[in-house]
Amino acid sequence: MTFSGINYIAVIIATLAGFGLGAVWYMALGGAWMRALGKTKDQFDHGEGAAKALPFIISLVALFLMAWMLAGLMGHLGDVTVRGGAISGLFIWVGFVITTMGVNHAFSGAKPMLTLIDGGHWLAVLLVMGAVIGAFGV
């Protein structure tokens, strides 16, 4: 199932892998993450029903777009392999993700621990997504 060289099954699996990794990441580091934010668990009440689900829906859509763009970039580069995917994910993280986060966190006065936790999460997500997409090939 491909369209313009993108394997959408790989993109969907990479999306779900990134979402699952995030769940595990923040379950393990949730306490440290909240301290880095300067918030308590009670301050994360997002309401009920759809309002409570909204951050998760936004996350899934964002992860899908991220996986889709990564697959397109990998196809454009012509290196749709596990190694090529991991390298592409690393380059995207270094060139765009952690640099942007670093600037935003510096100007907002965020604690360095927040940048480490969130930045590490996005590095892991991009590495996993790249590897998954690369494992499927073209």
N, C-alpha and C. Protein backbone atom coordinates (compact mmCIF):
# COMPACT_ATOMS: atom_id res chain seq x y z
N MET A 1 0.85 -1.18 0.00
CA MET A 1 0.00 0.00 0.00
C MET A 1 0.89 1.24 0.00
N THR A 2 1.22 1.73 -1.16
CA THR A 2 2.06 2.91 -1.25
C THR A 2 1.40 3.96 -2.11
N PHE A 3 1.76 5.18 -1.88
CA PHE A 3 1.32 6.30 -2.70
C PHE A 3 2.48 7.26 -2.76
N SER A 4 2.93 7.55 -3.94
CA SER A 4 4.09 8.43 -4.14
C SER A 4 5.30 7.93 -3.37
N GLY A 5 5.47 6.63 -3.29
CA GLY A 5 6.64 6.06 -2.65
C GLY A 5 6.56 5.97 -1.14
N ILE A 6 5.44 6.35 -0.54
CA ILE A 6 5.32 6.29 0.92
C ILE A 6 4.49 5.07 1.29
N ASN A 7 5.02 4.27 2.17
CA ASN A 7 4.31 3.09 2.66
C ASN A 7 3.48 3.53 3.87
N TYR A 8 2.17 3.67 3.68
CA TYR A 8 1.31 4.18 4.75
C TYR A 8 1.12 3.19 5.89
N ILE A 9 1.28 1.92 5.63
CA ILE A 9 1.25 0.93 6.72
C ILE A 9 2.43 1.21 7.65
N ALA A 10 3.61 1.43 7.07
CA ALA A 10 4.80 1.77 7.87
C ALA A 10 4.59 3.06 8.64
N VAL A 11 3.96 4.05 8.00
CA VAL A 11 3.71 5.34 8.66
C VAL A 11 2.77 5.15 9.85
N ILE A 12 1.73 4.36 9.68
CA ILE A 12 0.77 4.12 10.77
C ILE A 12 1.44 3.36 11.91
N ILE A 13 2.23 2.35 11.58
CA ILE A 13 2.92 1.59 12.63
C ILE A 13 3.95 2.47 13.33
N ALA A 14 4.66 3.31 12.59
CA ALA A 14 5.63 4.23 13.19
C ALA A 14 4.91 5.22 14.10
N THR A 15 3.73 5.69 13.69
CA THR A 15 2.93 6.59 14.52
C THR A 15 2.57 5.93 15.84
N LEU A 16 2.06 4.71 15.76
CA LEU A 16 1.66 3.99 16.98
C LEU A 16 2.86 3.65 17.85
N ALA A 17 3.99 3.34 17.23
CA ALA A 17 5.21 3.06 18.00
C ALA A 17 5.67 4.32 18.74
N GLY A 18 5.61 5.46 18.07
CA GLY A 18 5.97 6.72 18.72
C GLY A 18 5.04 7.06 19.87
N PHE A 19 3.75 6.82 19.68
CA PHE A 19 2.76 7.09 20.72
C PHE A 19 2.99 6.18 21.92
N GLY A 20 3.22 4.90 21.66
CA GLY A 20 3.49 3.94 22.74
C GLY A 20 4.76 4.27 23.49
N LEU A 21 5.80 4.66 22.73
CA LEU A 21 7.06 5.04 23.37
C LEU A 21 6.83 6.24 24.28
N GLY A 22 6.04 7.20 23.83
CA GLY A 22 5.74 8.37 24.65
C GLY A 22 5.02 8.01 25.92
N ALA A 23 4.09 7.06 25.82
CA ALA A 23 3.36 6.62 27.01
C ALA A 23 4.32 6.02 28.04
N VAL A 24 5.19 5.15 27.59
CA VAL A 24 6.16 4.53 28.49
C VAL A 24 7.14 5.57 29.04
N TRP A 25 7.62 6.47 28.17
CA TRP A 25 8.58 7.50 28.55
C TRP A 25 8.05 8.37 29.68
N TYR A 26 6.83 8.87 29.47
CA TYR A 26 6.28 9.80 30.45
C TYR A 26 5.68 9.09 31.67
N MET A 27 5.38 7.80 31.57
CA MET A 27 5.00 7.06 32.78
C MET A 27 6.24 6.90 33.66
N ALA A 28 7.37 6.64 33.02
CA ALA A 28 8.62 6.46 33.77
C ALA A 28 9.15 7.79 34.31
N LEU A 29 9.01 8.86 33.54
CA LEU A 29 9.61 10.14 33.91
C LEU A 29 8.57 11.20 34.27
N GLY A 30 7.33 10.79 34.48
CA GLY A 30 6.25 11.73 34.74
C GLY A 30 6.48 12.61 35.95
N GLY A 31 6.95 12.04 37.04
CA GLY A 31 7.21 12.82 38.25
C GLY A 31 8.28 13.87 38.02
N ALA A 32 9.39 13.46 37.41
CA ALA A 32 10.48 14.40 37.12
C ALA A 32 10.02 15.46 36.12
N TRP A 33 9.21 15.07 35.16
CA TRP A 33 8.69 16.00 34.15
C TRP A 33 7.79 17.06 34.81
N MET A 34 6.91 16.62 35.70
CA MET A 34 6.04 17.58 36.39
C MET A 34 6.84 18.54 37.27
N ARG A 35 7.87 18.01 37.95
CA ARG A 35 8.73 18.89 38.76
C ARG A 35 9.46 19.90 37.87
N ALA A 36 9.93 19.45 36.70
CA ALA A 36 10.61 20.35 35.77
C ALA A 36 9.66 21.43 35.25
N LEU A 37 8.39 21.08 35.12
CA LEU A 37 7.39 22.06 34.71
C LEU A 37 6.96 22.97 35.85
N GLY A 38 7.20 22.49 37.08
CA GLY A 38 6.75 23.25 38.24
C GLY A 38 5.26 23.09 38.49
N LYS A 39 4.72 21.92 38.14
CA LYS A 39 3.29 21.66 38.29
C LYS A 39 3.07 20.39 39.11
N THR A 40 1.84 20.25 39.57
CA THR A 40 1.44 19.04 40.29
C THR A 40 0.47 18.25 39.41
N LYS A 41 0.26 17.00 39.79
CA LYS A 41 -0.66 16.14 39.03
C LYS A 41 -2.06 16.74 38.98
N ASP A 42 -2.49 17.38 40.05
CA ASP A 42 -3.83 17.98 40.09
C ASP A 42 -3.99 19.10 39.07
N GLN A 43 -2.92 19.75 38.69
CA GLN A 43 -2.98 20.84 37.73
C GLN A 43 -3.14 20.36 36.29
N PHE A 44 -3.11 19.05 36.09
CA PHE A 44 -3.24 18.48 34.75
C PHE A 44 -4.64 17.95 34.47
N ASP A 45 -5.62 18.43 35.20
CA ASP A 45 -6.99 18.02 34.94
C ASP A 45 -7.45 18.71 33.67
N HIS A 46 -7.66 17.93 32.61
CA HIS A 46 -8.07 18.47 31.32
C HIS A 46 -9.58 18.41 31.11
N GLY A 47 -10.33 18.28 32.20
CA GLY A 47 -11.78 18.20 32.05
C GLY A 47 -12.22 16.77 31.90
N GLU A 48 -13.33 16.61 31.18
CA GLU A 48 -13.90 15.27 31.00
C GLU A 48 -14.19 15.02 29.54
N GLY A 49 -14.38 13.76 29.20
CA GLY A 49 -14.78 13.37 27.86
C GLY A 49 -13.81 13.82 26.79
N ALA A 50 -14.36 14.53 25.79
CA ALA A 50 -13.55 14.95 24.64
C ALA A 50 -12.43 15.89 25.05
N ALA A 51 -12.69 16.75 26.03
CA ALA A 51 -11.66 17.69 26.47
C ALA A 51 -10.47 16.95 27.06
N LYS A 52 -10.73 15.87 27.76
CA LYS A 52 -9.64 15.09 28.36
C LYS A 52 -8.86 14.33 27.28
N ALA A 53 -9.55 13.95 26.21
CA ALA A 53 -8.92 13.18 25.13
C ALA A 53 -8.16 14.08 24.15
N LEU A 54 -8.44 15.37 24.14
CA LEU A 54 -7.88 16.27 23.13
C LEU A 54 -6.35 16.24 23.04
N PRO A 55 -5.61 16.30 24.16
CA PRO A 55 -4.14 16.23 24.02
C PRO A 55 -3.65 14.94 23.37
N PHE A 56 -4.36 13.84 23.60
CA PHE A 56 -3.96 12.56 23.01
C PHE A 56 -4.27 12.53 21.51
N ILE A 57 -5.39 13.13 21.14
CA ILE A 57 -5.75 13.22 19.72
C ILE A 57 -4.75 14.10 18.98
N ILE A 58 -4.42 15.24 19.57
CA ILE A 58 -3.42 16.13 18.97
C ILE A 58 -2.09 15.41 18.84
N SER A 59 -1.72 14.65 19.85
CA SER A 59 -0.46 13.90 19.82
C SER A 59 -0.46 12.88 18.68
N LEU A 60 -1.54 12.14 18.53
CA LEU A 60 -1.61 11.14 17.45
C LEU A 60 -1.54 11.79 16.07
N VAL A 61 -2.24 12.89 15.89
CA VAL A 61 -2.20 13.59 14.60
C VAL A 61 -0.78 14.11 14.33
N ALA A 62 -0.16 14.72 15.34
CA ALA A 62 1.19 15.24 15.19
C ALA A 62 2.19 14.12 14.89
N LEU A 63 2.05 13.00 15.58
CA LEU A 63 2.95 11.88 15.34
C LEU A 63 2.76 11.29 13.95
N PHE A 64 1.50 11.25 13.49
CA PHE A 64 1.25 10.78 12.13
C PHE A 64 1.93 11.70 11.11
N LEU A 65 1.77 13.00 11.28
CA LEU A 65 2.41 13.95 10.36
C LEU A 65 3.93 13.83 10.41
N MET A 66 4.46 13.63 11.61
CA MET A 66 5.90 13.47 11.76
C MET A 66 6.39 12.22 11.02
N ALA A 67 5.68 11.10 11.20
CA ALA A 67 6.07 9.85 10.54
C ALA A 67 5.93 9.98 9.02
N TRP A 68 4.88 10.63 8.58
CA TRP A 68 4.64 10.82 7.15
C TRP A 68 5.75 11.65 6.52
N MET A 69 6.12 12.75 7.17
CA MET A 69 7.19 13.60 6.66
C MET A 69 8.53 12.89 6.69
N LEU A 70 8.77 12.11 7.75
CA LEU A 70 10.01 11.34 7.84
C LEU A 70 10.09 10.32 6.71
N ALA A 71 8.98 9.64 6.45
CA ALA A 71 8.95 8.66 5.35
C ALA A 71 9.19 9.35 4.02
N GLY A 72 8.58 10.51 3.82
CA GLY A 72 8.79 11.25 2.58
C GLY A 72 10.23 11.69 2.42
N LEU A 73 10.83 12.15 3.51
CA LEU A 73 12.23 12.58 3.47
C LEU A 73 13.15 11.39 3.17
N MET A 74 12.88 10.27 3.86
CA MET A 74 13.71 9.09 3.63
C MET A 74 13.60 8.62 2.18
N GLY A 75 12.38 8.64 1.64
CA GLY A 75 12.19 8.26 0.23
C GLY A 75 12.91 9.22 -0.70
N HIS A 76 12.86 10.49 -0.37
CA HIS A 76 13.53 11.50 -1.18
C HIS A 76 15.05 11.30 -1.15
N LEU A 77 15.56 10.93 0.00
CA LEU A 77 17.00 10.69 0.13
C LEU A 77 17.42 9.35 -0.48
N GLY A 78 16.44 8.44 -0.62
CA GLY A 78 16.73 7.15 -1.23
C GLY A 78 17.38 6.15 -0.29
N ASP A 79 17.24 6.36 1.01
CA ASP A 79 17.84 5.44 1.98
C ASP A 79 16.76 4.94 2.95
N VAL A 80 15.86 4.12 2.42
CA VAL A 80 14.76 3.61 3.23
C VAL A 80 15.18 2.27 3.81
N THR A 81 16.06 2.36 4.81
CA THR A 81 16.56 1.20 5.55
C THR A 81 16.47 1.52 7.03
N VAL A 82 16.62 0.52 7.87
CA VAL A 82 16.60 0.76 9.32
C VAL A 82 17.70 1.76 9.69
N ARG A 83 18.90 1.53 9.19
CA ARG A 83 20.02 2.43 9.48
C ARG A 83 19.76 3.83 8.93
N GLY A 84 19.31 3.90 7.69
CA GLY A 84 19.01 5.19 7.07
C GLY A 84 17.91 5.93 7.82
N GLY A 85 16.91 5.19 8.30
CA GLY A 85 15.83 5.81 9.06
C GLY A 85 16.30 6.36 10.39
N ALA A 86 17.14 5.60 11.07
CA ALA A 86 17.67 6.07 12.35
C ALA A 86 18.55 7.30 12.15
N ILE A 87 19.36 7.29 11.11
CA ILE A 87 20.22 8.44 10.83
C ILE A 87 19.38 9.65 10.45
N SER A 88 18.37 9.46 9.63
CA SER A 88 17.49 10.57 9.26
C SER A 88 16.78 11.13 10.49
N GLY A 89 16.29 10.25 11.36
CA GLY A 89 15.65 10.69 12.59
C GLY A 89 16.60 11.49 13.47
N LEU A 90 17.84 11.02 13.58
CA LEU A 90 18.84 11.74 14.38
C LEU A 90 19.13 13.11 13.78
N PHE A 91 19.32 13.18 12.48
CA PHE A 91 19.61 14.46 11.83
C PHE A 91 18.46 15.45 12.00
N ILE A 92 17.24 14.97 11.85
CA ILE A 92 16.07 15.85 12.03
C ILE A 92 16.02 16.35 13.47
N TRP A 93 16.29 15.47 14.42
CA TRP A 93 16.26 15.85 15.83
C TRP A 93 17.33 16.93 16.12
N VAL A 94 18.56 16.67 15.67
CA VAL A 94 19.65 17.63 15.93
C VAL A 94 19.40 18.95 15.20
N GLY A 95 18.99 18.87 13.96
CA GLY A 95 18.86 20.07 13.15
C GLY A 95 17.62 20.90 13.41
N PHE A 96 16.54 20.26 13.85
CA PHE A 96 15.28 20.99 13.96
C PHE A 96 14.61 20.88 15.33
N VAL A 97 14.56 19.70 15.90
CA VAL A 97 13.76 19.50 17.11
C VAL A 97 14.46 20.06 18.34
N ILE A 98 15.64 19.57 18.66
CA ILE A 98 16.29 20.00 19.91
C ILE A 98 16.75 21.45 19.81
N THR A 99 17.09 21.90 18.62
CA THR A 99 17.48 23.31 18.48
C THR A 99 16.28 24.22 18.75
N THR A 100 15.13 23.88 18.20
CA THR A 100 13.92 24.66 18.42
C THR A 100 13.50 24.61 19.89
N MET A 101 13.53 23.42 20.45
CA MET A 101 13.18 23.28 21.87
C MET A 101 14.13 24.08 22.74
N GLY A 102 15.40 24.01 22.44
CA GLY A 102 16.39 24.74 23.24
C GLY A 102 16.13 26.23 23.24
N VAL A 103 15.84 26.79 22.08
CA VAL A 103 15.55 28.22 21.99
C VAL A 103 14.27 28.55 22.76
N ASN A 104 13.20 27.80 22.48
CA ASN A 104 11.92 28.07 23.15
C ASN A 104 12.03 27.93 24.66
N HIS A 105 12.71 26.89 25.12
CA HIS A 105 12.84 26.68 26.56
C HIS A 105 13.73 27.74 27.20
N ALA A 106 14.76 28.18 26.49
CA ALA A 106 15.63 29.22 27.03
C ALA A 106 14.87 30.53 27.22
N PHE A 107 14.10 30.92 26.23
CA PHE A 107 13.36 32.18 26.32
C PHE A 107 12.18 32.10 27.29
N SER A 108 11.61 30.90 27.47
CA SER A 108 10.48 30.77 28.39
C SER A 108 10.94 30.55 29.83
N GLY A 109 12.24 30.35 30.03
CA GLY A 109 12.77 30.14 31.37
C GLY A 109 12.54 28.73 31.89
N ALA A 110 12.30 27.79 31.00
CA ALA A 110 12.09 26.40 31.42
C ALA A 110 13.37 25.84 32.03
N LYS A 111 13.18 24.91 32.95
CA LYS A 111 14.33 24.25 33.57
C LYS A 111 15.03 23.36 32.55
N PRO A 112 16.36 23.27 32.62
CA PRO A 112 17.09 22.40 31.70
C PRO A 112 16.60 20.95 31.75
N MET A 113 16.14 20.50 32.91
CA MET A 113 15.64 19.13 33.02
C MET A 113 14.45 18.90 32.09
N LEU A 114 13.60 19.91 31.91
CA LEU A 114 12.47 19.78 31.01
C LEU A 114 12.95 19.57 29.58
N THR A 115 13.97 20.30 29.18
CA THR A 115 14.53 20.14 27.83
C THR A 115 15.14 18.75 27.68
N LEU A 116 15.80 18.26 28.70
CA LEU A 116 16.39 16.91 28.64
C LEU A 116 15.31 15.83 28.51
N ILE A 117 14.26 15.95 29.32
CA ILE A 117 13.21 14.93 29.30
C ILE A 117 12.45 14.97 27.98
N ASP A 118 11.96 16.14 27.60
CA ASP A 118 11.19 16.26 26.36
C ASP A 118 12.06 16.03 25.13
N GLY A 119 13.27 16.57 25.14
CA GLY A 119 14.18 16.39 24.01
C GLY A 119 14.58 14.93 23.84
N GLY A 120 14.82 14.26 24.95
CA GLY A 120 15.14 12.83 24.89
C GLY A 120 13.99 12.03 24.33
N HIS A 121 12.77 12.41 24.71
CA HIS A 121 11.57 11.74 24.19
C HIS A 121 11.51 11.86 22.68
N TRP A 122 11.69 13.09 22.16
CA TRP A 122 11.58 13.28 20.71
C TRP A 122 12.72 12.62 19.96
N LEU A 123 13.90 12.53 20.57
CA LEU A 123 14.99 11.78 19.93
C LEU A 123 14.60 10.31 19.81
N ALA A 124 14.13 9.74 20.90
CA ALA A 124 13.73 8.32 20.89
C ALA A 124 12.62 8.09 19.87
N VAL A 125 11.64 8.98 19.82
CA VAL A 125 10.52 8.84 18.88
C VAL A 125 11.03 8.85 17.44
N LEU A 126 11.87 9.81 17.10
CA LEU A 126 12.37 9.90 15.73
C LEU A 126 13.25 8.71 15.36
N LEU A 127 14.05 8.23 16.29
CA LEU A 127 14.87 7.04 16.01
C LEU A 127 13.99 5.81 15.76
N VAL A 128 12.98 5.63 16.60
CA VAL A 128 12.07 4.48 16.45
C VAL A 128 11.28 4.60 15.16
N MET A 129 10.74 5.78 14.90
CA MET A 129 9.96 5.97 13.67
C MET A 129 10.82 5.70 12.44
N GLY A 130 12.02 6.25 12.42
CA GLY A 130 12.91 6.03 11.28
C GLY A 130 13.24 4.56 11.09
N ALA A 131 13.49 3.87 12.19
CA ALA A 131 13.80 2.44 12.10
C ALA A 131 12.61 1.65 11.60
N VAL A 132 11.42 1.96 12.09
CA VAL A 132 10.21 1.24 11.66
C VAL A 132 9.97 1.48 10.17
N ILE A 133 10.00 2.73 9.76
CA ILE A 133 9.78 3.04 8.35
C ILE A 133 10.85 2.37 7.48
N GLY A 134 12.09 2.43 7.94
CA GLY A 134 13.18 1.78 7.20
C GLY A 134 13.03 0.27 7.13
N ALA A 135 12.50 -0.34 8.19
CA ALA A 135 12.32 -1.79 8.20
C ALA A 135 11.31 -2.23 7.14
N PHE A 136 10.34 -1.39 6.86
CA PHE A 136 9.34 -1.72 5.83
C PHE A 136 9.88 -1.49 4.43
N GLY A 137 10.88 -0.64 4.30
CA GLY A 137 11.43 -0.35 2.97
C GLY A 137 10.42 0.36 2.09
N VAL A 138 10.63 0.30 0.80
CA VAL A 138 9.69 0.97 -0.12
C VAL A 138 8.79 -0.02 -0.79
